[in-house]
Amino acid sequence: MSSIKEKNIIRIRSDDFLFIITINTINRYPDTKLYKILNDIENCDFIHKYNNTLYLDLKPENVKQIIDYMRGYKINYIDDSLKMDFHRLGFNLNNDNIINKLFEKIDVTKNDDSVTSFSELNN
């Protein structure tokens, strides 16, 4: 018999990676597939549910970024695969304002102190 505490913990597996998240964190995003699958509202072909474990057929590094976002952390960079996985999981990038609010573009402009090659380090 599982305890109440154990029921509040959700395990998310992606490849060989295990992520632990609370049900409360997932409950803050009721429009997502994670919420809907945990609550038996819908199924999908890239998430399998077994007890309190979700098996995701997504890149583990993307799953980590998405879980960090759900926990309230800022993400400094988004590539096309991460954007696609956010979309696949049901996050509305426009409504959540993820692109404008949470993802900060890295300023890659060169300032006077930057080094453009290893040879500059020797000078």
PDB file of N, CA and C in Angstrom:
ATOM      1  N   MET A   1       0.846  -1.182   0.000  1.00  0.00           N
ATOM      2  CA  MET A   1       0.000   0.000   0.000  1.00  0.00           C
ATOM      3  C   MET A   1       0.891   1.246   0.000  1.00  0.00           C
ATOM      4  N   SER A   2       0.620   2.174  -0.878  1.00  0.00           N
ATOM      5  CA  SER A   2       1.446   3.377  -0.959  1.00  0.00           C
ATOM      6  C   SER A   2       0.918   4.438   0.001  1.00  0.00           C
ATOM      7  N   SER A   3       1.845   5.186   0.541  1.00  0.00           N
ATOM      8  CA  SER A   3       1.475   6.226   1.484  1.00  0.00           C
ATOM      9  C   SER A   3       1.013   7.472   0.747  1.00  0.00           C
ATOM     10  N   ILE A   4       0.396   8.390   1.503  1.00  0.00           N
ATOM     11  CA  ILE A   4      -0.032   9.667   0.934  1.00  0.00           C
ATOM     12  C   ILE A   4       1.166  10.411   0.368  1.00  0.00           C
ATOM     13  N   LYS A   5       2.286  10.392   1.087  1.00  0.00           N
ATOM     14  CA  LYS A   5       3.488  11.071   0.621  1.00  0.00           C
ATOM     15  C   LYS A   5       3.932  10.528  -0.728  1.00  0.00           C
ATOM     16  N   GLU A   6       3.915   9.233  -0.881  1.00  0.00           N
ATOM     17  CA  GLU A   6       4.358   8.626  -2.133  1.00  0.00           C
ATOM     18  C   GLU A   6       3.434   9.012  -3.291  1.00  0.00           C
ATOM     19  N   LYS A   7       2.149   9.163  -3.033  1.00  0.00           N
ATOM     20  CA  LYS A   7       1.206   9.544  -4.080  1.00  0.00           C
ATOM     21  C   LYS A   7       1.414  10.985  -4.531  1.00  0.00           C
ATOM     22  N   ASN A   8       2.032  11.804  -3.708  1.00  0.00           N
ATOM     23  CA  ASN A   8       2.289  13.203  -4.054  1.00  0.00           C
ATOM     24  C   ASN A   8       3.549  13.368  -4.894  1.00  0.00           C
ATOM     25  N   ILE A   9       4.316  12.309  -5.044  1.00  0.00           N
ATOM     26  CA  ILE A   9       5.554  12.336  -5.822  1.00  0.00           C
ATOM     27  C   ILE A   9       5.307  11.664  -7.165  1.00  0.00           C
ATOM     28  N   ILE A  10       5.711  12.362  -8.219  1.00  0.00           N
ATOM     29  CA  ILE A  10       5.592  11.810  -9.569  1.00  0.00           C
ATOM     30  C   ILE A  10       6.997  11.585 -10.109  1.00  0.00           C
ATOM     31  N   ARG A  11       7.222  10.418 -10.640  1.00  0.00           N
ATOM     32  CA  ARG A  11       8.490  10.097 -11.286  1.00  0.00           C
ATOM     33  C   ARG A  11       8.310  10.267 -12.791  1.00  0.00           C
ATOM     34  N   ILE A  12       9.269  10.926 -13.384  1.00  0.00           N
ATOM     35  CA  ILE A  12       9.242  11.101 -14.839  1.00  0.00           C
ATOM     36  C   ILE A  12      10.525  10.506 -15.398  1.00  0.00           C
ATOM     37  N   ARG A  13      10.371   9.543 -16.287  1.00  0.00           N
ATOM     38  CA  ARG A  13      11.526   8.890 -16.901  1.00  0.00           C
ATOM     39  C   ARG A  13      11.620   9.296 -18.363  1.00  0.00           C
ATOM     40  N   SER A  14      12.845   9.624 -18.766  1.00  0.00           N
ATOM     41  CA  SER A  14      13.134   9.915 -20.163  1.00  0.00           C
ATOM     42  C   SER A  14      14.472   9.272 -20.462  1.00  0.00           C
ATOM     43  N   ASP A  15      14.469   8.293 -21.343  1.00  0.00           N
ATOM     44  CA  ASP A  15      15.652   7.460 -21.584  1.00  0.00           C
ATOM     45  C   ASP A  15      16.109   6.894 -20.234  1.00  0.00           C
ATOM     46  N   ASP A  16      17.368   7.078 -19.881  1.00  0.00           N
ATOM     47  CA  ASP A  16      17.867   6.538 -18.608  1.00  0.00           C
ATOM     48  C   ASP A  16      17.834   7.553 -17.475  1.00  0.00           C
ATOM     49  N   PHE A  17      17.160   8.672 -17.682  1.00  0.00           N
ATOM     50  CA  PHE A  17      17.120   9.734 -16.674  1.00  0.00           C
ATOM     51  C   PHE A  17      15.820   9.659 -15.881  1.00  0.00           C
ATOM     52  N   LEU A  18      15.939   9.890 -14.582  1.00  0.00           N
ATOM     53  CA  LEU A  18      14.782   9.915 -13.696  1.00  0.00           C
ATOM     54  C   LEU A  18      14.661  11.302 -13.093  1.00  0.00           C
ATOM     55  N   PHE A  19      13.478  11.882 -13.213  1.00  0.00           N
ATOM     56  CA  PHE A  19      13.184  13.184 -12.628  1.00  0.00           C
ATOM     57  C   PHE A  19      12.073  12.988 -11.606  1.00  0.00           C
ATOM     58  N   ILE A  20      12.170  13.692 -10.501  1.00  0.00           N
ATOM     59  CA  ILE A  20      11.161  13.621  -9.453  1.00  0.00           C
ATOM     60  C   ILE A  20      10.498  14.992  -9.350  1.00  0.00           C
ATOM     61  N   ILE A  21       9.172  14.999  -9.320  1.00  0.00           N
ATOM     62  CA  ILE A  21       8.428  16.248  -9.241  1.00  0.00           C
ATOM     63  C   ILE A  21       7.195  15.999  -8.378  1.00  0.00           C
ATOM     64  N   THR A  22       6.702  17.023  -7.725  1.00  0.00           N
ATOM     65  CA  THR A  22       5.506  16.840  -6.905  1.00  0.00           C
ATOM     66  C   THR A  22       4.260  16.997  -7.774  1.00  0.00           C
ATOM     67  N   ILE A  23       3.198  16.374  -7.326  1.00  0.00           N
ATOM     68  CA  ILE A  23       1.929  16.484  -8.038  1.00  0.00           C
ATOM     69  C   ILE A  23       1.446  17.931  -8.028  1.00  0.00           C
ATOM     70  N   ASN A  24       1.766  18.679  -6.975  1.00  0.00           N
ATOM     71  CA  ASN A  24       1.351  20.087  -6.899  1.00  0.00           C
ATOM     72  C   ASN A  24       1.956  20.913  -8.021  1.00  0.00           C
ATOM     73  N   THR A  25       3.192  20.619  -8.392  1.00  0.00           N
ATOM     74  CA  THR A  25       3.842  21.338  -9.486  1.00  0.00           C
ATOM     75  C   THR A  25       3.113  21.057 -10.794  1.00  0.00           C
ATOM     76  N   ILE A  26       2.778  19.819 -11.040  1.00  0.00           N
ATOM     77  CA  ILE A  26       2.056  19.462 -12.263  1.00  0.00           C
ATOM     78  C   ILE A  26       0.647  20.051 -12.244  1.00  0.00           C
ATOM     79  N   ASN A  27       0.008  20.093 -11.090  1.00  0.00           N
ATOM     80  CA  ASN A  27      -1.358  20.621 -10.981  1.00  0.00           C
ATOM     81  C   ASN A  27      -1.445  22.111 -11.324  1.00  0.00           C
ATOM     82  N   ARG A  28      -0.329  22.816 -11.281  1.00  0.00           N
ATOM     83  CA  ARG A  28      -0.334  24.237 -11.662  1.00  0.00           C
ATOM     84  C   ARG A  28      -0.487  24.423 -13.167  1.00  0.00           C
ATOM     85  N   TYR A  29      -0.397  23.338 -13.934  1.00  0.00           N
ATOM     86  CA  TYR A  29      -0.482  23.397 -15.399  1.00  0.00           C
ATOM     87  C   TYR A  29      -1.563  22.428 -15.899  1.00  0.00           C
ATOM     88  N   PRO A  30      -2.844  22.730 -15.617  1.00  0.00           N
ATOM     89  CA  PRO A  30      -3.924  21.789 -15.949  1.00  0.00           C
ATOM     90  C   PRO A  30      -4.191  21.607 -17.442  1.00  0.00           C
ATOM     91  N   ASP A  31      -3.649  22.477 -18.279  1.00  0.00           N
ATOM     92  CA  ASP A  31      -3.866  22.326 -19.725  1.00  0.00           C
ATOM     93  C   ASP A  31      -2.805  21.461 -20.392  1.00  0.00           C
ATOM     94  N   THR A  32      -1.831  20.982 -19.626  1.00  0.00           N
ATOM     95  CA  THR A  32      -0.745  20.203 -20.223  1.00  0.00           C
ATOM     96  C   THR A  32      -1.076  18.715 -20.273  1.00  0.00           C
ATOM     97  N   LYS A  33      -0.370  18.022 -21.140  1.00  0.00           N
ATOM     98  CA  LYS A  33      -0.551  16.575 -21.261  1.00  0.00           C
ATOM     99  C   LYS A  33      -0.133  15.855 -19.980  1.00  0.00           C
ATOM    100  N   LEU A  34       0.884  16.356 -19.285  1.00  0.00           N
ATOM    101  CA  LEU A  34       1.314  15.719 -18.035  1.00  0.00           C
ATOM    102  C   LEU A  34       0.144  15.670 -17.053  1.00  0.00           C
ATOM    103  N   TYR A  35      -0.530  16.779 -16.879  1.00  0.00           N
ATOM    104  CA  TYR A  35      -1.683  16.849 -15.980  1.00  0.00           C
ATOM    105  C   TYR A  35      -2.798  15.927 -16.472  1.00  0.00           C
ATOM    106  N   LYS A  36      -3.125  16.020 -17.746  1.00  0.00           N
ATOM    107  CA  LYS A  36      -4.247  15.271 -18.303  1.00  0.00           C
ATOM    108  C   LYS A  36      -4.014  13.769 -18.259  1.00  0.00           C
ATOM    109  N   ILE A  37      -2.786  13.342 -18.480  1.00  0.00           N
ATOM    110  CA  ILE A  37      -2.492  11.909 -18.434  1.00  0.00           C
ATOM    111  C   ILE A  37      -2.515  11.401 -17.001  1.00  0.00           C
ATOM    112  N   LEU A  38      -1.945  12.166 -16.077  1.00  0.00           N
ATOM    113  CA  LEU A  38      -1.982  11.759 -14.667  1.00  0.00           C
ATOM    114  C   LEU A  38      -3.407  11.658 -14.139  1.00  0.00           C
ATOM    115  N   ASN A  39      -4.292  12.482 -14.646  1.00  0.00           N
ATOM    116  CA  ASN A  39      -5.682  12.490 -14.200  1.00  0.00           C
ATOM    117  C   ASN A  39      -6.599  11.689 -15.116  1.00  0.00           C
ATOM    118  N   ASP A  40      -6.012  10.882 -15.987  1.00  0.00           N
ATOM    119  CA  ASP A  40      -6.759   9.996 -16.898  1.00  0.00           C
ATOM    120  C   ASP A  40      -7.774  10.742 -17.757  1.00  0.00           C
ATOM    121  N   ILE A  41      -7.425  11.959 -18.160  1.00  0.00           N
ATOM    122  CA  ILE A  41      -8.300  12.755 -19.022  1.00  0.00           C
ATOM    123  C   ILE A  41      -8.025  12.439 -20.493  1.00  0.00           C
ATOM    124  N   GLU A  42      -6.767  12.162 -20.824  1.00  0.00           N
ATOM    125  CA  GLU A  42      -6.433  11.806 -22.209  1.00  0.00           C
ATOM    126  C   GLU A  42      -5.172  10.950 -22.237  1.00  0.00           C
ATOM    127  N   ASN A  43      -4.908  10.387 -23.400  1.00  0.00           N
ATOM    128  CA  ASN A  43      -3.711   9.586 -23.653  1.00  0.00           C
ATOM    129  C   ASN A  43      -2.938  10.211 -24.801  1.00  0.00           C
ATOM    130  N   CYS A  44      -1.698   9.835 -24.945  1.00  0.00           N
ATOM    131  CA  CYS A  44      -0.941  10.250 -26.130  1.00  0.00           C
ATOM    132  C   CYS A  44       0.107   9.186 -26.429  1.00  0.00           C
ATOM    133  N   ASP A  45       0.677   9.272 -27.605  1.00  0.00           N
ATOM    134  CA  ASP A  45       1.573   8.217 -28.073  1.00  0.00           C
ATOM    135  C   ASP A  45       3.010   8.342 -27.564  1.00  0.00           C
ATOM    136  N   PHE A  46       3.389   9.446 -26.926  1.00  0.00           N
ATOM    137  CA  PHE A  46       4.776   9.580 -26.477  1.00  0.00           C
ATOM    138  C   PHE A  46       4.905   9.643 -24.954  1.00  0.00           C
ATOM    139  N   ILE A  47       3.787   9.402 -24.243  1.00  0.00           N
ATOM    140  CA  ILE A  47       3.821   9.329 -22.784  1.00  0.00           C
ATOM    141  C   ILE A  47       3.081   8.073 -22.347  1.00  0.00           C
ATOM    142  N   HIS A  48       3.726   7.297 -21.500  1.00  0.00           N
ATOM    143  CA  HIS A  48       3.100   6.109 -20.940  1.00  0.00           C
ATOM    144  C   HIS A  48       3.037   6.278 -19.426  1.00  0.00           C
ATOM    145  N   LYS A  49       1.884   6.019 -18.854  1.00  0.00           N
ATOM    146  CA  LYS A  49       1.690   6.145 -17.407  1.00  0.00           C
ATOM    147  C   LYS A  49       1.643   4.767 -16.781  1.00  0.00           C
ATOM    148  N   TYR A  50       2.398   4.601 -15.696  1.00  0.00           N
ATOM    149  CA  TYR A  50       2.340   3.384 -14.903  1.00  0.00           C
ATOM    150  C   TYR A  50       2.424   3.796 -13.438  1.00  0.00           C
ATOM    151  N   ASN A  51       1.326   3.648 -12.719  1.00  0.00           N
ATOM    152  CA  ASN A  51       1.204   4.111 -11.332  1.00  0.00           C
ATOM    153  C   ASN A  51       1.560   5.588 -11.257  1.00  0.00           C
ATOM    154  N   ASN A  52       2.567   5.936 -10.460  1.00  0.00           N
ATOM    155  CA  ASN A  52       2.932   7.348 -10.343  1.00  0.00           C
ATOM    156  C   ASN A  52       4.188   7.674 -11.152  1.00  0.00           C
ATOM    157  N   THR A  53       4.416   6.917 -12.215  1.00  0.00           N
ATOM    158  CA  THR A  53       5.565   7.156 -13.086  1.00  0.00           C
ATOM    159  C   THR A  53       5.073   7.440 -14.508  1.00  0.00           C
ATOM    160  N   LEU A  54       5.652   8.478 -15.093  1.00  0.00           N
ATOM    161  CA  LEU A  54       5.390   8.801 -16.492  1.00  0.00           C
ATOM    162  C   LEU A  54       6.652   8.516 -17.287  1.00  0.00           C
ATOM    163  N   TYR A  55       6.513   7.780 -18.368  1.00  0.00           N
ATOM    164  CA  TYR A  55       7.621   7.486 -19.265  1.00  0.00           C
ATOM    165  C   TYR A  55       7.440   8.362 -20.502  1.00  0.00           C
ATOM    166  N   LEU A  56       8.383   9.278 -20.714  1.00  0.00           N
ATOM    167  CA  LEU A  56       8.286  10.232 -21.817  1.00  0.00           C
ATOM    168  C   LEU A  56       9.272   9.878 -22.913  1.00  0.00           C
ATOM    169  N   ASP A  57       8.797   9.851 -24.135  1.00  0.00           N
ATOM    170  CA  ASP A  57       9.657   9.646 -25.294  1.00  0.00           C
ATOM    171  C   ASP A  57      10.063  11.023 -25.827  1.00  0.00           C
ATOM    172  N   LEU A  58      10.832  11.736 -25.002  1.00  0.00           N
ATOM    173  CA  LEU A  58      11.347  13.063 -25.323  1.00  0.00           C
ATOM    174  C   LEU A  58      12.818  13.115 -24.925  1.00  0.00           C
ATOM    175  N   LYS A  59      13.523  14.083 -25.454  1.00  0.00           N
ATOM    176  CA  LYS A  59      14.932  14.250 -25.092  1.00  0.00           C
ATOM    177  C   LYS A  59      15.043  14.592 -23.607  1.00  0.00           C
ATOM    178  N   PRO A  60      15.867  13.860 -22.856  1.00  0.00           N
ATOM    179  CA  PRO A  60      15.991  14.123 -21.416  1.00  0.00           C
ATOM    180  C   PRO A  60      16.401  15.557 -21.085  1.00  0.00           C
ATOM    181  N   GLU A  61      17.267  16.145 -21.913  1.00  0.00           N
ATOM    182  CA  GLU A  61      17.686  17.524 -21.627  1.00  0.00           C
ATOM    183  C   GLU A  61      16.520  18.495 -21.786  1.00  0.00           C
ATOM    184  N   ASN A  62      15.590  18.193 -22.697  1.00  0.00           N
ATOM    185  CA  ASN A  62      14.390  19.020 -22.840  1.00  0.00           C
ATOM    186  C   ASN A  62      13.437  18.817 -21.666  1.00  0.00           C
ATOM    187  N   VAL A  63      13.303  17.571 -21.226  1.00  0.00           N
ATOM    188  CA  VAL A  63      12.447  17.278 -20.078  1.00  0.00           C
ATOM    189  C   VAL A  63      12.954  18.036 -18.855  1.00  0.00           C
ATOM    190  N   LYS A  64      14.256  18.050 -18.657  1.00  0.00           N
ATOM    191  CA  LYS A  64      14.840  18.787 -17.532  1.00  0.00           C
ATOM    192  C   LYS A  64      14.496  20.267 -17.606  1.00  0.00           C
ATOM    193  N   GLN A  65      14.631  20.864 -18.789  1.00  0.00           N
ATOM    194  CA  GLN A  65      14.323  22.284 -18.966  1.00  0.00           C
ATOM    195  C   GLN A  65      12.836  22.564 -18.699  1.00  0.00           C
ATOM    196  N   ILE A  66      11.974  21.679 -19.159  1.00  0.00           N
ATOM    197  CA  ILE A  66      10.532  21.860 -18.979  1.00  0.00           C
ATOM    198  C   ILE A  66      10.161  21.746 -17.500  1.00  0.00           C
ATOM    199  N   ILE A  67      10.743  20.763 -16.813  1.00  0.00           N
ATOM    200  CA  ILE A  67      10.482  20.622 -15.375  1.00  0.00           C
ATOM    201  C   ILE A  67      11.008  21.835 -14.623  1.00  0.00           C
ATOM    202  N   ASP A  68      12.189  22.311 -14.988  1.00  0.00           N
ATOM    203  CA  ASP A  68      12.720  23.523 -14.351  1.00  0.00           C
ATOM    204  C   ASP A  68      11.781  24.700 -14.567  1.00  0.00           C
ATOM    205  N   TYR A  69      11.242  24.846 -15.765  1.00  0.00           N
ATOM    206  CA  TYR A  69      10.272  25.909 -16.055  1.00  0.00           C
ATOM    207  C   TYR A  69       9.046  25.766 -15.150  1.00  0.00           C
ATOM    208  N   MET A  70       8.540  24.532 -15.018  1.00  0.00           N
ATOM    209  CA  MET A  70       7.365  24.299 -14.182  1.00  0.00           C
ATOM    210  C   MET A  70       7.642  24.648 -12.721  1.00  0.00           C
ATOM    211  N   ARG A  71       8.881  24.506 -12.309  1.00  0.00           N
ATOM    212  CA  ARG A  71       9.270  24.843 -10.928  1.00  0.00           C
ATOM    213  C   ARG A  71       9.508  26.343 -10.749  1.00  0.00           C
ATOM    214  N   GLY A  72       9.464  27.097 -11.834  1.00  0.00           N
ATOM    215  CA  GLY A  72       9.597  28.541 -11.729  1.00  0.00           C
ATOM    216  C   GLY A  72      10.954  29.107 -12.092  1.00  0.00           C
ATOM    217  N   TYR A  73      11.856  28.264 -12.598  1.00  0.00           N
ATOM    218  CA  TYR A  73      13.184  28.741 -12.978  1.00  0.00           C
ATOM    219  C   TYR A  73      13.165  29.357 -14.375  1.00  0.00           C
ATOM    220  N   LYS A  74      14.021  30.324 -14.579  1.00  0.00           N
ATOM    221  CA  LYS A  74      14.173  30.907 -15.906  1.00  0.00           C
ATOM    222  C   LYS A  74      15.058  30.008 -16.752  1.00  0.00           C
ATOM    223  N   ILE A  75      14.796  30.032 -18.032  1.00  0.00           N
ATOM    224  CA  ILE A  75      15.596  29.268 -18.985  1.00  0.00           C
ATOM    225  C   ILE A  75      16.272  30.270 -19.896  1.00  0.00           C
ATOM    226  N   ASN A  76      17.566  30.146 -20.061  1.00  0.00           N
ATOM    227  CA  ASN A  76      18.329  31.143 -20.794  1.00  0.00           C
ATOM    228  C   ASN A  76      18.343  30.949 -22.300  1.00  0.00           C
ATOM    229  N   TYR A  77      17.999  29.769 -22.765  1.00  0.00           N
ATOM    230  CA  TYR A  77      18.105  29.509 -24.205  1.00  0.00           C
ATOM    231  C   TYR A  77      17.044  28.503 -24.607  1.00  0.00           C
ATOM    232  N   ILE A  78      16.418  28.729 -25.740  1.00  0.00           N
ATOM    233  CA  ILE A  78      15.453  27.767 -26.269  1.00  0.00           C
ATOM    234  C   ILE A  78      15.809  27.473 -27.720  1.00  0.00           C
ATOM    235  N   ASP A  79      15.900  26.184 -28.034  1.00  0.00           N
ATOM    236  CA  ASP A  79      16.131  25.805 -29.428  1.00  0.00           C
ATOM    237  C   ASP A  79      14.839  25.207 -29.982  1.00  0.00           C
ATOM    238  N   ASP A  80      14.862  24.843 -31.252  1.00  0.00           N
ATOM    239  CA  ASP A  80      13.649  24.357 -31.902  1.00  0.00           C
ATOM    240  C   ASP A  80      13.113  23.073 -31.277  1.00  0.00           C
ATOM    241  N   SER A  81      14.002  22.167 -30.843  1.00  0.00           N
ATOM    242  CA  SER A  81      13.518  20.903 -30.272  1.00  0.00           C
ATOM    243  C   SER A  81      12.848  21.141 -28.916  1.00  0.00           C
ATOM    244  N   LEU A  82      13.381  22.064 -28.120  1.00  0.00           N
ATOM    245  CA  LEU A  82      12.751  22.376 -26.835  1.00  0.00           C
ATOM    246  C   LEU A  82      11.402  23.056 -27.057  1.00  0.00           C
ATOM    247  N   LYS A  83      11.356  23.960 -28.009  1.00  0.00           N
ATOM    248  CA  LYS A  83      10.100  24.643 -28.337  1.00  0.00           C
ATOM    249  C   LYS A  83       9.059  23.613 -28.782  1.00  0.00           C
ATOM    250  N   MET A  84       9.471  22.640 -29.598  1.00  0.00           N
ATOM    251  CA  MET A  84       8.567  21.607 -30.078  1.00  0.00           C
ATOM    252  C   MET A  84       8.063  20.742 -28.917  1.00  0.00           C
ATOM    253  N   ASP A  85       8.950  20.386 -27.976  1.00  0.00           N
ATOM    254  CA  ASP A  85       8.527  19.556 -26.850  1.00  0.00           C
ATOM    255  C   ASP A  85       7.602  20.311 -25.898  1.00  0.00           C
ATOM    256  N   PHE A  86       7.833  21.601 -25.698  1.00  0.00           N
ATOM    257  CA  PHE A  86       6.879  22.404 -24.933  1.00  0.00           C
ATOM    258  C   PHE A  86       5.503  22.318 -25.591  1.00  0.00           C
ATOM    259  N   HIS A  87       5.488  22.482 -26.900  1.00  0.00           N
ATOM    260  CA  HIS A  87       4.227  22.439 -27.644  1.00  0.00           C
ATOM    261  C   HIS A  87       3.581  21.055 -27.557  1.00  0.00           C
ATOM    262  N   ARG A  88       4.362  19.999 -27.737  1.00  0.00           N
ATOM    263  CA  ARG A  88       3.833  18.633 -27.683  1.00  0.00           C
ATOM    264  C   ARG A  88       3.212  18.326 -26.323  1.00  0.00           C
ATOM    265  N   LEU A  89       3.788  18.908 -25.258  1.00  0.00           N
ATOM    266  CA  LEU A  89       3.261  18.670 -23.913  1.00  0.00           C
ATOM    267  C   LEU A  89       2.073  19.563 -23.575  1.00  0.00           C
ATOM    268  N   GLY A  90       1.688  20.426 -24.506  1.00  0.00           N
ATOM    269  CA  GLY A  90       0.486  21.213 -24.305  1.00  0.00           C
ATOM    270  C   GLY A  90       0.693  22.577 -23.674  1.00  0.00           C
ATOM    271  N   PHE A  91       1.933  23.007 -23.564  1.00  0.00           N
ATOM    272  CA  PHE A  91       2.184  24.360 -23.082  1.00  0.00           C
ATOM    273  C   PHE A  91       1.910  25.311 -24.238  1.00  0.00           C
ATOM    274  N   ASN A  92       1.070  26.286 -24.005  1.00  0.00           N
ATOM    275  CA  ASN A  92       0.763  27.272 -25.027  1.00  0.00           C
ATOM    276  C   ASN A  92       1.806  28.375 -24.929  1.00  0.00           C
ATOM    277  N   LEU A  93       2.737  28.378 -25.849  1.00  0.00           N
ATOM    278  CA  LEU A  93       3.848  29.324 -25.787  1.00  0.00           C
ATOM    279  C   LEU A  93       3.379  30.764 -25.845  1.00  0.00           C
ATOM    280  N   ASN A  94       2.255  31.025 -26.493  1.00  0.00           N
ATOM    281  CA  ASN A  94       1.745  32.393 -26.561  1.00  0.00           C
ATOM    282  C   ASN A  94       1.047  32.797 -25.272  1.00  0.00           C
ATOM    283  N   ASN A  95       0.181  31.933 -24.750  1.00  0.00           N
ATOM    284  CA  ASN A  95      -0.526  32.269 -23.516  1.00  0.00           C
ATOM    285  C   ASN A  95       0.402  32.315 -22.319  1.00  0.00           C
ATOM    286  N   ASP A  96       1.337  31.383 -22.243  1.00  0.00           N
ATOM    287  CA  ASP A  96       2.273  31.370 -21.124  1.00  0.00           C
ATOM    288  C   ASP A  96       3.327  32.462 -21.278  1.00  0.00           C
ATOM    289  N   ASN A  97       3.390  33.046 -22.476  1.00  0.00           N
ATOM    290  CA  ASN A  97       4.361  34.110 -22.763  1.00  0.00           C
ATOM    291  C   ASN A  97       5.785  33.630 -22.456  1.00  0.00           C
ATOM    292  N   ILE A  98       6.046  32.363 -22.726  1.00  0.00           N
ATOM    293  CA  ILE A  98       7.342  31.775 -22.410  1.00  0.00           C
ATOM    294  C   ILE A  98       8.461  32.466 -23.167  1.00  0.00           C
ATOM    295  N   ILE A  99       8.266  32.680 -24.441  1.00  0.00           N
ATOM    296  CA  ILE A  99       9.339  33.240 -25.249  1.00  0.00           C
ATOM    297  C   ILE A  99       9.719  34.634 -24.758  1.00  0.00           C
ATOM    298  N   ASN A 100       8.735  35.489 -24.532  1.00  0.00           N
ATOM    299  CA  ASN A 100       9.034  36.865 -24.160  1.00  0.00           C
ATOM    300  C   ASN A 100       9.374  37.033 -22.691  1.00  0.00           C
ATOM    301  N   LYS A 101       8.763  36.262 -21.825  1.00  0.00           N
ATOM    302  CA  LYS A 101       8.901  36.493 -20.401  1.00  0.00           C
ATOM    303  C   LYS A 101      10.034  35.681 -19.773  1.00  0.00           C
ATOM    304  N   LEU A 102      10.155  34.414 -20.113  1.00  0.00           N
ATOM    305  CA  LEU A 102      11.086  33.557 -19.393  1.00  0.00           C
ATOM    306  C   LEU A 102      12.373  33.252 -20.134  1.00  0.00           C
ATOM    307  N   PHE A 103      12.325  33.220 -21.439  1.00  0.00           N
ATOM    308  CA  PHE A 103      13.519  32.889 -22.181  1.00  0.00           C
ATOM    309  C   PHE A 103      14.247  34.164 -22.550  1.00  0.00           C
ATOM    310  N   GLU A 104      15.447  34.279 -22.095  1.00  0.00           N
ATOM    311  CA  GLU A 104      16.240  35.461 -22.380  1.00  0.00           C
ATOM    312  C   GLU A 104      17.253  35.104 -23.452  1.00  0.00           C
ATOM    313  N   LYS A 105      17.309  35.912 -24.483  1.00  0.00           N
ATOM    314  CA  LYS A 105      18.307  35.667 -25.517  1.00  0.00           C
ATOM    315  C   LYS A 105      19.678  36.038 -24.984  1.00  0.00           C
ATOM    316  N   ILE A 106      20.648  35.241 -25.326  1.00  0.00           N
ATOM    317  CA  ILE A 106      22.011  35.499 -24.909  1.00  0.00           C
ATOM    318  C   ILE A 106      22.606  36.562 -25.820  1.00  0.00           C
ATOM    319  N   ASP A 107      23.198  37.571 -25.223  1.00  0.00           N
ATOM    320  CA  ASP A 107      23.833  38.632 -25.994  1.00  0.00           C
ATOM    321  C   ASP A 107      25.201  38.121 -26.452  1.00  0.00           C
ATOM    322  N   VAL A 108      25.330  37.889 -27.734  1.00  0.00           N
ATOM    323  CA  VAL A 108      26.579  37.346 -28.264  1.00  0.00           C
ATOM    324  C   VAL A 108      27.435  38.423 -28.918  1.00  0.00           C
ATOM    325  N   THR A 109      27.078  39.671 -28.712  1.00  0.00           N
ATOM    326  CA  THR A 109      27.900  40.739 -29.274  1.00  0.00           C
ATOM    327  C   THR A 109      29.223  40.788 -28.527  1.00  0.00           C
ATOM    328  N   LYS A 110      30.260  41.110 -29.237  1.00  0.00           N
ATOM    329  CA  LYS A 110      31.598  41.112 -28.663  1.00  0.00           C
ATOM    330  C   LYS A 110      31.844  42.430 -27.931  1.00  0.00           C
ATOM    331  N   ASN A 111      32.338  42.319 -26.701  1.00  0.00           N
ATOM    332  CA  ASN A 111      32.751  43.528 -26.009  1.00  0.00           C
ATOM    333  C   ASN A 111      34.274  43.609 -26.048  1.00  0.00           C
ATOM    334  N   ASP A 112      34.846  44.642 -25.500  1.00  0.00           N
ATOM    335  CA  ASP A 112      36.283  44.862 -25.598  1.00  0.00           C
ATOM    336  C   ASP A 112      37.110  43.805 -24.876  1.00  0.00           C
ATOM    337  N   ASP A 113      36.523  43.106 -23.901  1.00  0.00           N
ATOM    338  CA  ASP A 113      37.274  42.136 -23.117  1.00  0.00           C
ATOM    339  C   ASP A 113      37.154  40.706 -23.641  1.00  0.00           C
ATOM    340  N   SER A 114      36.393  40.484 -24.703  1.00  0.00           N
ATOM    341  CA  SER A 114      36.189  39.123 -25.160  1.00  0.00           C
ATOM    342  C   SER A 114      37.370  38.627 -25.993  1.00  0.00           C
ATOM    343  N   VAL A 115      37.509  37.323 -26.012  1.00  0.00           N
ATOM    344  CA  VAL A 115      38.587  36.675 -26.756  1.00  0.00           C
ATOM    345  C   VAL A 115      37.953  35.923 -27.910  1.00  0.00           C
ATOM    346  N   THR A 116      38.454  36.124 -29.110  1.00  0.00           N
ATOM    347  CA  THR A 116      37.873  35.455 -30.269  1.00  0.00           C
ATOM    348  C   THR A 116      38.603  34.192 -30.652  1.00  0.00           C
ATOM    349  N   SER A 117      39.810  33.975 -30.151  1.00  0.00           N
ATOM    350  CA  SER A 117      40.531  32.741 -30.473  1.00  0.00           C
ATOM    351  C   SER A 117      41.534  32.457 -29.360  1.00  0.00           C
ATOM    352  N   PHE A 118      42.034  31.218 -29.345  1.00  0.00           N
ATOM    353  CA  PHE A 118      43.021  30.826 -28.355  1.00  0.00           C
ATOM    354  C   PHE A 118      44.337  31.581 -28.528  1.00  0.00           C
ATOM    355  N   SER A 119      44.639  31.963 -29.744  1.00  0.00           N
ATOM    356  CA  SER A 119      45.900  32.670 -29.996  1.00  0.00           C
ATOM    357  C   SER A 119      45.932  34.028 -29.294  1.00  0.00           C
ATOM    358  N   GLU A 120      44.756  34.639 -29.123  1.00  0.00           N
ATOM    359  CA  GLU A 120      44.689  35.913 -28.413  1.00  0.00           C
ATOM    360  C   GLU A 120      45.056  35.768 -26.946  1.00  0.00           C
ATOM    361  N   LEU A 121      44.864  34.583 -26.399  1.00  0.00           N
ATOM    362  CA  LEU A 121      45.188  34.360 -24.997  1.00  0.00           C
ATOM    363  C   LEU A 121      46.686  34.450 -24.747  1.00  0.00           C
ATOM    364  N   ASN A 122      47.485  34.127 -25.746  1.00  0.00           N
ATOM    365  CA  ASN A 122      48.937  34.148 -25.596  1.00  0.00           C
ATOM    366  C   ASN A 122      49.523  35.536 -25.735  1.00  0.00           C
ATOM    367  N   ASN A 123      48.772  36.461 -26.264  1.00  0.00           N
ATOM    368  CA  ASN A 123      49.287  37.837 -26.474  1.00  0.00           C
ATOM    369  C   ASN A 123      49.175  38.679 -25.237  1.00  0.00           C
TER     370      ASN A 123
END
